[in-house]
């Protein structure tokens, strides 16, 4: 799995691979500051790709609550549409409009 980077943007938190942020900086013609992320382990939520929101398994995910539920093993359990959540590591990078990436102090 490639490394993911996080940026707060207009009251939202978005996580993408480094290539995305390099293209974003080039397209906007200005530097972008991002934080290196790691997968959240033991969290109480996952990200539903279809709904575009956090879901809690007992709340809105599963055969009873979702018509698009598709378990990974074909029977039950985690849905194929769920993705892991990420948390920041405290390691920040600045990506210039030229595509240069360098580690910075927060």
Protein backbone atom coordinates (compact mmCIF):
# COMPACT_ATOMS: atom_id res chain seq x y z
CA UNK A 1 0.00 0.00 0.00
CA UNK A 2 1.35 3.41 -0.90
CA UNK A 3 1.73 6.12 1.70
CA UNK A 4 -1.20 8.47 2.19
CA UNK A 5 -1.14 12.16 2.96
CA UNK A 6 -3.76 14.27 4.65
CA UNK A 7 -4.86 17.87 4.29
CA UNK A 8 -7.67 19.83 5.89
CA UNK A 9 -9.64 21.55 3.16
CA UNK A 10 -12.77 23.68 3.55
CA UNK A 11 -13.97 22.00 6.77
CA UNK A 12 -13.16 18.58 5.34
CA UNK A 13 -10.28 16.15 5.72
CA UNK A 14 -9.04 14.50 2.56
CA UNK A 15 -6.49 11.70 2.22
CA UNK A 16 -4.69 10.82 -1.02
CA UNK A 17 -1.36 9.40 -2.21
CA UNK A 18 1.55 11.81 -2.77
CA UNK A 19 1.05 11.88 -6.57
CA UNK A 20 -2.38 13.47 -6.09
CA UNK A 21 -0.94 16.28 -3.96
CA UNK A 22 1.91 16.93 -6.41
CA UNK A 23 -0.64 17.34 -9.22
CA UNK A 24 -2.80 19.55 -6.98
CA UNK A 25 0.11 21.90 -6.27
CA UNK A 26 1.00 22.06 -9.97
CA UNK A 27 -2.61 22.69 -11.04
CA UNK A 28 -3.20 25.44 -8.48
CA UNK A 29 0.21 27.01 -8.99
CA UNK A 30 0.90 27.25 -5.28
CA UNK A 31 2.48 25.11 -2.56
CA UNK A 32 0.46 22.54 -0.63
CA UNK A 33 1.18 21.49 2.96
CA UNK A 34 0.24 17.89 3.81
CA UNK A 35 0.68 15.52 6.72
CA UNK A 36 1.84 11.93 6.40
CA UNK A 37 -0.85 9.49 7.57
CA UNK A 38 -1.00 6.00 8.94
CA UNK A 39 -3.88 3.58 9.13
CA UNK A 40 -6.05 3.88 12.19
CA UNK A 41 -6.04 0.64 14.14
CA UNK A 42 -8.89 -0.24 16.46
CA UNK A 43 -11.13 2.66 15.51
CA UNK A 44 -14.89 2.45 15.81
CA UNK A 45 -15.66 3.56 12.24
CA UNK A 46 -14.76 2.87 8.62
CA UNK A 47 -15.20 4.90 5.42
CA UNK A 48 -17.99 3.83 3.04
CA UNK A 49 -16.96 4.55 -0.53
CA UNK A 50 -20.57 4.45 -1.79
CA UNK A 51 -22.05 6.73 0.87
CA UNK A 52 -19.01 8.99 1.14
CA UNK A 53 -19.20 9.04 4.92
CA UNK A 54 -18.07 7.34 8.10
CA UNK A 55 -20.09 4.30 9.04
CA UNK A 56 -20.39 2.27 12.19
CA UNK A 57 -21.07 -1.40 11.50
CA UNK A 58 -24.04 -1.70 13.82
CA UNK A 59 -25.53 1.61 12.68
CA UNK A 60 -25.70 1.62 8.89
CA UNK A 61 -23.64 -1.19 7.40
CA UNK A 62 -24.84 -4.72 6.85
CA UNK A 63 -27.46 -6.77 5.09
CA UNK A 64 -30.36 -5.24 7.01
CA UNK A 65 -29.35 -1.58 6.61
CA UNK A 66 -27.74 -1.38 3.16
CA UNK A 67 -28.92 -2.73 -0.19
CA UNK A 68 -25.35 -2.45 -1.56
CA UNK A 69 -23.83 -4.57 1.22
CA UNK A 70 -21.32 -6.99 -0.28
CA UNK A 71 -19.27 -8.98 2.27
CA UNK A 72 -15.65 -9.73 1.39
CA UNK A 73 -16.03 -13.44 2.08
CA UNK A 74 -19.35 -13.68 0.23
CA UNK A 75 -21.31 -14.55 3.40
CA UNK A 76 -20.96 -11.98 6.18
CA UNK A 77 -18.55 -9.55 7.80
CA UNK A 78 -16.76 -6.50 6.43
CA UNK A 79 -18.21 -5.04 3.24
CA UNK A 80 -16.08 -4.64 0.12
CA UNK A 81 -17.10 -0.98 -0.02
CA UNK A 82 -15.50 -0.10 3.32
CA UNK A 83 -12.04 1.43 3.52
CA UNK A 84 -9.70 1.98 6.43
CA UNK A 85 -9.54 5.37 8.14
CA UNK A 86 -6.27 7.26 8.57
CA UNK A 87 -4.79 9.45 11.30
CA UNK A 88 -1.98 11.97 11.14
CA UNK A 89 1.59 11.16 12.17
CA UNK A 90 2.76 14.70 12.91
CA UNK A 91 5.20 14.58 9.98
CA UNK A 92 4.54 17.40 7.50
CA UNK A 93 5.63 18.02 3.94
CA UNK A 94 5.51 21.02 1.65
CA UNK A 95 4.92 20.33 -2.03
CA UNK A 96 5.82 23.18 -4.36
CA UNK A 97 4.06 24.07 -7.59
CA UNK A 98 7.12 22.59 -9.37
CA UNK A 99 6.51 19.20 -7.74
CA UNK A 100 9.36 19.35 -5.22
CA UNK A 101 8.58 17.63 -1.92
CA UNK A 102 10.37 18.46 1.32
CA UNK A 103 9.83 17.67 4.96
CA UNK A 104 9.02 20.70 7.11
CA UNK A 105 8.55 21.49 10.79
CA UNK A 106 4.96 21.99 11.79
